[in-house]
Amino acid sequence: MVTVGLLIRVEAKPDKVPEVEAMLKSVVDQVREEGVAVVWFALRLGPTTFGIFDAFVDEAGREAHLEANGEALRAAGAELFAESPSIEYVDVIAAMLPGE
């Protein structure tokens, strides 16, 4: 059962939208191999606004994921994002997942 998650919002520089989309698409295999996220979504919220939502069984998984990927997100941000990513820690109060 998932209990915690991350909601990350990024604003792409207008001329970097295709690169941000490509970067988000390329990360899914890395997250899968990492094996701590129960679910992971890359989202387009607007013309230049993107989001990431992922959820974890516990706080240890969330922190491990952030430790493994947070610096890469910040590093990409300098080149691709109009501002620093907004990272929100969320509690999952209900979920419907395949197999449950």
PDB file of N, CA and C in Angstrom:
ATOM      1  N   MET A   1       0.831  -1.179   0.000  1.00  0.00           N
ATOM      2  CA  MET A   1       0.000   0.000   0.000  1.00  0.00           C
ATOM      3  C   MET A   1       0.879   1.247   0.000  1.00  0.00           C
ATOM      4  N   VAL A   2       0.562   2.187  -0.852  1.00  0.00           N
ATOM      5  CA  VAL A   2       1.322   3.428  -0.894  1.00  0.00           C
ATOM      6  C   VAL A   2       0.851   4.355   0.225  1.00  0.00           C
ATOM      7  N   THR A   3       1.801   5.072   0.793  1.00  0.00           N
ATOM      8  CA  THR A   3       1.459   5.973   1.893  1.00  0.00           C
ATOM      9  C   THR A   3       1.957   7.392   1.685  1.00  0.00           C
ATOM     10  N   VAL A   4       3.010   7.554   0.893  1.00  0.00           N
ATOM     11  CA  VAL A   4       3.598   8.878   0.673  1.00  0.00           C
ATOM     12  C   VAL A   4       3.937   9.063  -0.797  1.00  0.00           C
ATOM     13  N   GLY A   5       4.083  10.318  -1.193  1.00  0.00           N
ATOM     14  CA  GLY A   5       4.418  10.593  -2.580  1.00  0.00           C
ATOM     15  C   GLY A   5       5.142  11.909  -2.735  1.00  0.00           C
ATOM     16  N   LEU A   6       5.424  12.219  -3.977  1.00  0.00           N
ATOM     17  CA  LEU A   6       6.031  13.487  -4.364  1.00  0.00           C
ATOM     18  C   LEU A   6       5.217  14.072  -5.499  1.00  0.00           C
ATOM     19  N   LEU A   7       4.988  15.347  -5.441  1.00  0.00           N
ATOM     20  CA  LEU A   7       4.352  16.079  -6.529  1.00  0.00           C
ATOM     21  C   LEU A   7       5.329  17.176  -6.916  1.00  0.00           C
ATOM     22  N   ILE A   8       5.900  17.033  -8.096  1.00  0.00           N
ATOM     23  CA  ILE A   8       6.944  17.942  -8.556  1.00  0.00           C
ATOM     24  C   ILE A   8       6.432  18.688  -9.771  1.00  0.00           C
ATOM     25  N   ARG A   9       6.605  20.001  -9.747  1.00  0.00           N
ATOM     26  CA  ARG A   9       6.154  20.846 -10.849  1.00  0.00           C
ATOM     27  C   ARG A   9       7.373  21.545 -11.423  1.00  0.00           C
ATOM     28  N   VAL A  10       7.486  21.503 -12.761  1.00  0.00           N
ATOM     29  CA  VAL A  10       8.590  22.191 -13.429  1.00  0.00           C
ATOM     30  C   VAL A  10       8.040  23.065 -14.549  1.00  0.00           C
ATOM     31  N   GLU A  11       8.641  24.205 -14.688  1.00  0.00           N
ATOM     32  CA  GLU A  11       8.274  25.143 -15.749  1.00  0.00           C
ATOM     33  C   GLU A  11       9.428  25.182 -16.737  1.00  0.00           C
ATOM     34  N   ALA A  12       9.183  24.684 -17.949  1.00  0.00           N
ATOM     35  CA  ALA A  12      10.223  24.642 -18.968  1.00  0.00           C
ATOM     36  C   ALA A  12      10.457  26.027 -19.553  1.00  0.00           C
ATOM     37  N   LYS A  13      11.690  26.298 -19.913  1.00  0.00           N
ATOM     38  CA  LYS A  13      11.958  27.498 -20.706  1.00  0.00           C
ATOM     39  C   LYS A  13      11.208  27.302 -22.022  1.00  0.00           C
ATOM     40  N   PRO A  14      10.579  28.346 -22.558  1.00  0.00           N
ATOM     41  CA  PRO A  14       9.754  28.165 -23.764  1.00  0.00           C
ATOM     42  C   PRO A  14      10.471  27.481 -24.926  1.00  0.00           C
ATOM     43  N   ASP A  15      11.757  27.728 -25.077  1.00  0.00           N
ATOM     44  CA  ASP A  15      12.499  27.113 -26.183  1.00  0.00           C
ATOM     45  C   ASP A  15      13.044  25.724 -25.829  1.00  0.00           C
ATOM     46  N   LYS A  16      12.766  25.243 -24.624  1.00  0.00           N
ATOM     47  CA  LYS A  16      13.287  23.948 -24.173  1.00  0.00           C
ATOM     48  C   LYS A  16      12.196  22.902 -23.929  1.00  0.00           C
ATOM     49  N   VAL A  17      10.958  23.204 -24.325  1.00  0.00           N
ATOM     50  CA  VAL A  17       9.841  22.289 -24.084  1.00  0.00           C
ATOM     51  C   VAL A  17      10.103  20.883 -24.645  1.00  0.00           C
ATOM     52  N   PRO A  18      10.542  20.748 -25.897  1.00  0.00           N
ATOM     53  CA  PRO A  18      10.783  19.385 -26.410  1.00  0.00           C
ATOM     54  C   PRO A  18      11.850  18.627 -25.618  1.00  0.00           C
ATOM     55  N   GLU A  19      12.876  19.343 -25.153  1.00  0.00           N
ATOM     56  CA  GLU A  19      13.929  18.704 -24.380  1.00  0.00           C
ATOM     57  C   GLU A  19      13.419  18.246 -23.005  1.00  0.00           C
ATOM     58  N   VAL A  20      12.577  19.065 -22.378  1.00  0.00           N
ATOM     59  CA  VAL A  20      12.015  18.673 -21.082  1.00  0.00           C
ATOM     60  C   VAL A  20      11.140  17.437 -21.248  1.00  0.00           C
ATOM     61  N   GLU A  21      10.306  17.433 -22.270  1.00  0.00           N
ATOM     62  CA  GLU A  21       9.451  16.272 -22.520  1.00  0.00           C
ATOM     63  C   GLU A  21      10.298  15.025 -22.772  1.00  0.00           C
ATOM     64  N   ALA A  22      11.336  15.155 -23.574  1.00  0.00           N
ATOM     65  CA  ALA A  22      12.211  14.012 -23.864  1.00  0.00           C
ATOM     66  C   ALA A  22      12.925  13.531 -22.600  1.00  0.00           C
ATOM     67  N   MET A  23      13.377  14.453 -21.767  1.00  0.00           N
ATOM     68  CA  MET A  23      14.045  14.079 -20.532  1.00  0.00           C
ATOM     69  C   MET A  23      13.101  13.298 -19.629  1.00  0.00           C
ATOM     70  N   LEU A  24      11.876  13.787 -19.477  1.00  0.00           N
ATOM     71  CA  LEU A  24      10.912  13.089 -18.624  1.00  0.00           C
ATOM     72  C   LEU A  24      10.594  11.698 -19.158  1.00  0.00           C
ATOM     73  N   LYS A  25      10.457  11.568 -20.465  1.00  0.00           N
ATOM     74  CA  LYS A  25      10.204  10.250 -21.054  1.00  0.00           C
ATOM     75  C   LYS A  25      11.378   9.301 -20.827  1.00  0.00           C
ATOM     76  N   SER A  26      12.592   9.835 -20.857  1.00  0.00           N
ATOM     77  CA  SER A  26      13.770   8.979 -20.713  1.00  0.00           C
ATOM     78  C   SER A  26      13.995   8.501 -19.288  1.00  0.00           C
ATOM     79  N   VAL A  27      13.435   9.182 -18.313  1.00  0.00           N
ATOM     80  CA  VAL A  27      13.666   8.863 -16.907  1.00  0.00           C
ATOM     81  C   VAL A  27      12.884   7.631 -16.449  1.00  0.00           C
ATOM     82  N   VAL A  28      11.804   7.291 -17.124  1.00  0.00           N
ATOM     83  CA  VAL A  28      10.935   6.207 -16.649  1.00  0.00           C
ATOM     84  C   VAL A  28      11.686   4.888 -16.477  1.00  0.00           C
ATOM     85  N   ASP A  29      12.597   4.565 -17.367  1.00  0.00           N
ATOM     86  CA  ASP A  29      13.341   3.305 -17.224  1.00  0.00           C
ATOM     87  C   ASP A  29      14.252   3.330 -16.003  1.00  0.00           C
ATOM     88  N   GLN A  30      14.856   4.479 -15.733  1.00  0.00           N
ATOM     89  CA  GLN A  30      15.706   4.622 -14.552  1.00  0.00           C
ATOM     90  C   GLN A  30      14.886   4.434 -13.274  1.00  0.00           C
ATOM     91  N   VAL A  31      13.708   5.033 -13.228  1.00  0.00           N
ATOM     92  CA  VAL A  31      12.833   4.903 -12.059  1.00  0.00           C
ATOM     93  C   VAL A  31      12.397   3.445 -11.899  1.00  0.00           C
ATOM     94  N   ARG A  32      12.096   2.804 -13.001  1.00  0.00           N
ATOM     95  CA  ARG A  32      11.693   1.387 -12.957  1.00  0.00           C
ATOM     96  C   ARG A  32      12.827   0.531 -12.384  1.00  0.00           C
ATOM     97  N   GLU A  33      14.048   0.762 -12.852  1.00  0.00           N
ATOM     98  CA  GLU A  33      15.199  -0.009 -12.370  1.00  0.00           C
ATOM     99  C   GLU A  33      15.489   0.263 -10.899  1.00  0.00           C
ATOM    100  N   GLU A  34      15.268   1.492 -10.474  1.00  0.00           N
ATOM    101  CA  GLU A  34      15.486   1.874  -9.087  1.00  0.00           C
ATOM    102  C   GLU A  34      14.629   1.020  -8.147  1.00  0.00           C
ATOM    103  N   GLY A  35      13.379   0.792  -8.554  1.00  0.00           N
ATOM    104  CA  GLY A  35      12.514  -0.137  -7.849  1.00  0.00           C
ATOM    105  C   GLY A  35      11.878   0.330  -6.548  1.00  0.00           C
ATOM    106  N   VAL A  36      11.902   1.614  -6.229  1.00  0.00           N
ATOM    107  CA  VAL A  36      11.268   2.048  -4.982  1.00  0.00           C
ATOM    108  C   VAL A  36       9.930   2.738  -5.201  1.00  0.00           C
ATOM    109  N   ALA A  37       9.706   3.316  -6.366  1.00  0.00           N
ATOM    110  CA  ALA A  37       8.418   3.962  -6.649  1.00  0.00           C
ATOM    111  C   ALA A  37       7.395   2.894  -7.025  1.00  0.00           C
ATOM    112  N   VAL A  38       6.225   2.964  -6.395  1.00  0.00           N
ATOM    113  CA  VAL A  38       5.139   2.051  -6.740  1.00  0.00           C
ATOM    114  C   VAL A  38       4.484   2.515  -8.032  1.00  0.00           C
ATOM    115  N   VAL A  39       4.298   3.819  -8.165  1.00  0.00           N
ATOM    116  CA  VAL A  39       3.795   4.432  -9.394  1.00  0.00           C
ATOM    117  C   VAL A  39       4.625   5.668  -9.690  1.00  0.00           C
ATOM    118  N   TRP A  40       4.736   6.005 -10.972  1.00  0.00           N
ATOM    119  CA  TRP A  40       5.484   7.176 -11.402  1.00  0.00           C
ATOM    120  C   TRP A  40       4.817   7.698 -12.662  1.00  0.00           C
ATOM    121  N   PHE A  41       4.520   8.977 -12.663  1.00  0.00           N
ATOM    122  CA  PHE A  41       3.882   9.605 -13.824  1.00  0.00           C
ATOM    123  C   PHE A  41       4.627  10.880 -14.177  1.00  0.00           C
ATOM    124  N   ALA A  42       4.864  11.089 -15.459  1.00  0.00           N
ATOM    125  CA  ALA A  42       5.307  12.385 -15.973  1.00  0.00           C
ATOM    126  C   ALA A  42       4.087  12.995 -16.654  1.00  0.00           C
ATOM    127  N   LEU A  43       3.819  14.250 -16.351  1.00  0.00           N
ATOM    128  CA  LEU A  43       2.595  14.906 -16.799  1.00  0.00           C
ATOM    129  C   LEU A  43       2.890  16.202 -17.532  1.00  0.00           C
ATOM    130  N   ARG A  44       2.044  16.520 -18.510  1.00  0.00           N
ATOM    131  CA  ARG A  44       2.066  17.862 -19.103  1.00  0.00           C
ATOM    132  C   ARG A  44       0.841  18.573 -18.549  1.00  0.00           C
ATOM    133  N   LEU A  45       1.077  19.693 -17.882  1.00  0.00           N
ATOM    134  CA  LEU A  45       0.002  20.442 -17.249  1.00  0.00           C
ATOM    135  C   LEU A  45      -0.386  21.682 -18.045  1.00  0.00           C
ATOM    136  N   GLY A  46       0.440  22.078 -18.968  1.00  0.00           N
ATOM    137  CA  GLY A  46       0.183  23.258 -19.798  1.00  0.00           C
ATOM    138  C   GLY A  46       1.247  23.332 -20.870  1.00  0.00           C
ATOM    139  N   PRO A  47       1.250  24.390 -21.668  1.00  0.00           N
ATOM    140  CA  PRO A  47       2.197  24.481 -22.780  1.00  0.00           C
ATOM    141  C   PRO A  47       3.664  24.345 -22.361  1.00  0.00           C
ATOM    142  N   THR A  48       4.027  24.922 -21.215  1.00  0.00           N
ATOM    143  CA  THR A  48       5.413  24.843 -20.746  1.00  0.00           C
ATOM    144  C   THR A  48       5.519  24.270 -19.337  1.00  0.00           C
ATOM    145  N   THR A  49       4.406  23.796 -18.794  1.00  0.00           N
ATOM    146  CA  THR A  49       4.384  23.302 -17.426  1.00  0.00           C
ATOM    147  C   THR A  49       4.270  21.780 -17.408  1.00  0.00           C
ATOM    148  N   PHE A  50       5.160  21.157 -16.652  1.00  0.00           N
ATOM    149  CA  PHE A  50       5.188  19.710 -16.535  1.00  0.00           C
ATOM    150  C   PHE A  50       5.139  19.329 -15.063  1.00  0.00           C
ATOM    151  N   GLY A  51       4.755  18.096 -14.810  1.00  0.00           N
ATOM    152  CA  GLY A  51       4.736  17.607 -13.451  1.00  0.00           C
ATOM    153  C   GLY A  51       5.187  16.170 -13.382  1.00  0.00           C
ATOM    154  N   ILE A  52       5.579  15.783 -12.204  1.00  0.00           N
ATOM    155  CA  ILE A  52       5.920  14.394 -11.914  1.00  0.00           C
ATOM    156  C   ILE A  52       5.158  14.034 -10.645  1.00  0.00           C
ATOM    157  N   PHE A  53       4.484  12.909 -10.676  1.00  0.00           N
ATOM    158  CA  PHE A  53       3.875  12.378  -9.458  1.00  0.00           C
ATOM    159  C   PHE A  53       4.377  10.970  -9.285  1.00  0.00           C
ATOM    160  N   ASP A  54       4.896  10.688  -8.106  1.00  0.00           N
ATOM    161  CA  ASP A  54       5.274   9.323  -7.789  1.00  0.00           C
ATOM    162  C   ASP A  54       4.896   9.017  -6.359  1.00  0.00           C
ATOM    163  N   ALA A  55       4.669   7.745  -6.090  1.00  0.00           N
ATOM    164  CA  ALA A  55       4.229   7.325  -4.764  1.00  0.00           C
ATOM    165  C   ALA A  55       5.050   6.131  -4.302  1.00  0.00           C
ATOM    166  N   PHE A  56       5.138   6.015  -2.966  1.00  0.00           N
ATOM    167  CA  PHE A  56       6.024   5.046  -2.344  1.00  0.00           C
ATOM    168  C   PHE A  56       5.317   4.368  -1.177  1.00  0.00           C
ATOM    169  N   VAL A  57       5.818   3.214  -0.809  1.00  0.00           N
ATOM    170  CA  VAL A  57       5.258   2.466   0.306  1.00  0.00           C
ATOM    171  C   VAL A  57       5.528   3.195   1.622  1.00  0.00           C
ATOM    172  N   ASP A  58       6.697   3.820   1.730  1.00  0.00           N
ATOM    173  CA  ASP A  58       7.053   4.455   2.996  1.00  0.00           C
ATOM    174  C   ASP A  58       8.015   5.619   2.775  1.00  0.00           C
ATOM    175  N   GLU A  59       8.303   6.297   3.857  1.00  0.00           N
ATOM    176  CA  GLU A  59       9.194   7.455   3.808  1.00  0.00           C
ATOM    177  C   GLU A  59      10.597   7.083   3.343  1.00  0.00           C
ATOM    178  N   ALA A  60      11.064   5.913   3.731  1.00  0.00           N
ATOM    179  CA  ALA A  60      12.407   5.478   3.324  1.00  0.00           C
ATOM    180  C   ALA A  60      12.503   5.384   1.801  1.00  0.00           C
ATOM    181  N   GLY A  61      11.479   4.862   1.150  1.00  0.00           N
ATOM    182  CA  GLY A  61      11.474   4.784  -0.309  1.00  0.00           C
ATOM    183  C   GLY A  61      11.467   6.153  -0.948  1.00  0.00           C
ATOM    184  N   ARG A  62      10.657   7.046  -0.406  1.00  0.00           N
ATOM    185  CA  ARG A  62      10.597   8.413  -0.949  1.00  0.00           C
ATOM    186  C   ARG A  62      11.954   9.093  -0.830  1.00  0.00           C
ATOM    187  N   GLU A  63      12.577   8.980   0.328  1.00  0.00           N
ATOM    188  CA  GLU A  63      13.877   9.621   0.533  1.00  0.00           C
ATOM    189  C   GLU A  63      14.958   8.999  -0.348  1.00  0.00           C
ATOM    190  N   ALA A  64      14.935   7.678  -0.515  1.00  0.00           N
ATOM    191  CA  ALA A  64      15.909   7.011  -1.383  1.00  0.00           C
ATOM    192  C   ALA A  64      15.759   7.499  -2.822  1.00  0.00           C
ATOM    193  N   HIS A  65      14.511   7.650  -3.256  1.00  0.00           N
ATOM    194  CA  HIS A  65      14.256   8.125  -4.612  1.00  0.00           C
ATOM    195  C   HIS A  65      14.764   9.557  -4.788  1.00  0.00           C
ATOM    196  N   LEU A  66      14.480  10.414  -3.833  1.00  0.00           N
ATOM    197  CA  LEU A  66      14.956  11.800  -3.909  1.00  0.00           C
ATOM    198  C   LEU A  66      16.473  11.866  -3.887  1.00  0.00           C
ATOM    199  N   GLU A  67      17.077  11.054  -3.058  1.00  0.00           N
ATOM    200  CA  GLU A  67      18.537  11.044  -2.980  1.00  0.00           C
ATOM    201  C   GLU A  67      19.151  10.606  -4.302  1.00  0.00           C
ATOM    202  N   ALA A  68      18.539   9.620  -4.942  1.00  0.00           N
ATOM    203  CA  ALA A  68      19.068   9.101  -6.206  1.00  0.00           C
ATOM    204  C   ALA A  68      18.821  10.032  -7.384  1.00  0.00           C
ATOM    205  N   ASN A  69      17.742  10.840  -7.325  1.00  0.00           N
ATOM    206  CA  ASN A  69      17.351  11.598  -8.510  1.00  0.00           C
ATOM    207  C   ASN A  69      17.265  13.111  -8.337  1.00  0.00           C
ATOM    208  N   GLY A  70      17.248  13.573  -7.117  1.00  0.00           N
ATOM    209  CA  GLY A  70      17.066  15.003  -6.877  1.00  0.00           C
ATOM    210  C   GLY A  70      18.130  15.875  -7.505  1.00  0.00           C
ATOM    211  N   GLU A  71      19.367  15.471  -7.393  1.00  0.00           N
ATOM    212  CA  GLU A  71      20.461  16.279  -7.938  1.00  0.00           C
ATOM    213  C   GLU A  71      20.400  16.341  -9.462  1.00  0.00           C
ATOM    214  N   ALA A  72      20.041  15.242 -10.107  1.00  0.00           N
ATOM    215  CA  ALA A  72      19.917  15.238 -11.567  1.00  0.00           C
ATOM    216  C   ALA A  72      18.810  16.180 -12.020  1.00  0.00           C
ATOM    217  N   LEU A  73      17.712  16.221 -11.275  1.00  0.00           N
ATOM    218  CA  LEU A  73      16.612  17.128 -11.598  1.00  0.00           C
ATOM    219  C   LEU A  73      17.060  18.574 -11.461  1.00  0.00           C
ATOM    220  N   ARG A  74      17.787  18.873 -10.389  1.00  0.00           N
ATOM    221  CA  ARG A  74      18.274  20.239 -10.207  1.00  0.00           C
ATOM    222  C   ARG A  74      19.292  20.624 -11.289  1.00  0.00           C
ATOM    223  N   ALA A  75      20.148  19.686 -11.646  1.00  0.00           N
ATOM    224  CA  ALA A  75      21.156  19.956 -12.673  1.00  0.00           C
ATOM    225  C   ALA A  75      20.502  20.217 -14.019  1.00  0.00           C
ATOM    226  N   ALA A  76      19.499  19.437 -14.375  1.00  0.00           N
ATOM    227  CA  ALA A  76      18.778  19.654 -15.632  1.00  0.00           C
ATOM    228  C   ALA A  76      18.074  20.999 -15.600  1.00  0.00           C
ATOM    229  N   GLY A  77      17.623  21.386 -14.416  1.00  0.00           N
ATOM    230  CA  GLY A  77      16.880  22.620 -14.264  1.00  0.00           C
ATOM    231  C   GLY A  77      17.640  23.851 -14.706  1.00  0.00           C
ATOM    232  N   ALA A  78      18.912  23.902 -14.455  1.00  0.00           N
ATOM    233  CA  ALA A  78      19.694  25.075 -14.822  1.00  0.00           C
ATOM    234  C   ALA A  78      19.629  25.347 -16.321  1.00  0.00           C
ATOM    235  N   GLU A  79      19.603  24.296 -17.096  1.00  0.00           N
ATOM    236  CA  GLU A  79      19.581  24.444 -18.554  1.00  0.00           C
ATOM    237  C   GLU A  79      18.166  24.470 -19.129  1.00  0.00           C
ATOM    238  N   LEU A  80      17.266  23.680 -18.548  1.00  0.00           N
ATOM    239  CA  LEU A  80      15.965  23.457 -19.173  1.00  0.00           C
ATOM    240  C   LEU A  80      14.789  24.202 -18.538  1.00  0.00           C
ATOM    241  N   PHE A  81      14.875  24.532 -17.258  1.00  0.00           N
ATOM    242  CA  PHE A  81      13.722  25.070 -16.538  1.00  0.00           C
ATOM    243  C   PHE A  81      13.807  26.581 -16.363  1.00  0.00           C
ATOM    244  N   ALA A  82      12.655  27.229 -16.398  1.00  0.00           N
ATOM    245  CA  ALA A  82      12.576  28.677 -16.205  1.00  0.00           C
ATOM    246  C   ALA A  82      12.795  29.050 -14.741  1.00  0.00           C
ATOM    247  N   GLU A  83      12.546  28.109 -13.840  1.00  0.00           N
ATOM    248  CA  GLU A  83      12.732  28.333 -12.407  1.00  0.00           C
ATOM    249  C   GLU A  83      13.014  26.993 -11.741  1.00  0.00           C
ATOM    250  N   SER A  84      13.397  27.023 -10.491  1.00  0.00           N
ATOM    251  CA  SER A  84      13.672  25.781  -9.770  1.00  0.00           C
ATOM    252  C   SER A  84      12.405  24.931  -9.667  1.00  0.00           C
ATOM    253  N   PRO A  85      12.554  23.610  -9.740  1.00  0.00           N
ATOM    254  CA  PRO A  85      11.386  22.740  -9.583  1.00  0.00           C
ATOM    255  C   PRO A  85      10.740  22.934  -8.213  1.00  0.00           C
ATOM    256  N   SER A  86       9.440  22.823  -8.179  1.00  0.00           N
ATOM    257  CA  SER A  86       8.685  22.849  -6.933  1.00  0.00           C
ATOM    258  C   SER A  86       8.477  21.404  -6.508  1.00  0.00           C
ATOM    259  N   ILE A  87       8.988  21.042  -5.342  1.00  0.00           N
ATOM    260  CA  ILE A  87       8.889  19.666  -4.855  1.00  0.00           C
ATOM    261  C   ILE A  87       8.018  19.665  -3.608  1.00  0.00           C
ATOM    262  N   GLU A  88       6.887  18.981  -3.697  1.00  0.00           N
ATOM    263  CA  GLU A  88       5.971  18.890  -2.567  1.00  0.00           C
ATOM    264  C   GLU A  88       5.915  17.453  -2.065  1.00  0.00           C
ATOM    265  N   TYR A  89       6.046  17.302  -0.771  1.00  0.00           N
ATOM    266  CA  TYR A  89       5.874  16.011  -0.128  1.00  0.00           C
ATOM    267  C   TYR A  89       4.381  15.849   0.144  1.00  0.00           C
ATOM    268  N   VAL A  90       3.816  14.725  -0.260  1.00  0.00           N
ATOM    269  CA  VAL A  90       2.385  14.500  -0.063  1.00  0.00           C
ATOM    270  C   VAL A  90       2.156  13.172   0.666  1.00  0.00           C
ATOM    271  N   ASP A  91       1.051  13.112   1.384  1.00  0.00           N
ATOM    272  CA  ASP A  91       0.594  11.874   1.991  1.00  0.00           C
ATOM    273  C   ASP A  91      -0.507  11.305   1.110  1.00  0.00           C
ATOM    274  N   VAL A  92      -0.435  10.032   0.803  1.00  0.00           N
ATOM    275  CA  VAL A  92      -1.461   9.374   0.005  1.00  0.00           C
ATOM    276  C   VAL A  92      -2.522   8.853   0.970  1.00  0.00           C
ATOM    277  N   ILE A  93      -3.745   9.351   0.810  1.00  0.00           N
ATOM    278  CA  ILE A  93      -4.807   8.930   1.727  1.00  0.00           C
ATOM    279  C   ILE A  93      -5.691   7.828   1.142  1.00  0.00           C
ATOM    280  N   ALA A  94      -5.652   7.645  -0.179  1.00  0.00           N
ATOM    281  CA  ALA A  94      -6.376   6.554  -0.833  1.00  0.00           C
ATOM    282  C   ALA A  94      -5.754   6.339  -2.202  1.00  0.00           C
ATOM    283  N   ALA A  95      -5.783   5.096  -2.668  1.00  0.00           N
ATOM    284  CA  ALA A  95      -5.230   4.782  -3.984  1.00  0.00           C
ATOM    285  C   ALA A  95      -5.937   3.573  -4.570  1.00  0.00           C
ATOM    286  N   MET A  96      -5.979   3.516  -5.870  1.00  0.00           N
ATOM    287  CA  MET A  96      -6.455   2.345  -6.587  1.00  0.00           C
ATOM    288  C   MET A  96      -5.342   1.948  -7.542  1.00  0.00           C
ATOM    289  N   LEU A  97      -4.782   0.794  -7.323  1.00  0.00           N
ATOM    290  CA  LEU A  97      -3.657   0.319  -8.113  1.00  0.00           C
ATOM    291  C   LEU A  97      -4.001  -1.041  -8.715  1.00  0.00           C
ATOM    292  N   PRO A  98      -3.405  -1.371  -9.865  1.00  0.00           N
ATOM    293  CA  PRO A  98      -3.658  -2.687 -10.443  1.00  0.00           C
ATOM    294  C   PRO A  98      -3.277  -3.790  -9.443  1.00  0.00           C
ATOM    295  N   GLY A  99      -4.080  -4.812  -9.397  1.00  0.00           N
ATOM    296  CA  GLY A  99      -3.796  -5.932  -8.527  1.00  0.00           C
ATOM    297  C   GLY A  99      -4.270  -5.788  -7.091  1.00  0.00           C
ATOM    298  N   GLU A 100      -4.852  -4.646  -6.785  1.00  0.00           N
ATOM    299  CA  GLU A 100      -5.350  -4.456  -5.400  1.00  0.00           C
ATOM    300  C   GLU A 100      -6.839  -4.638  -5.354  1.00  0.00           C
TER     301      GLU A 100
END
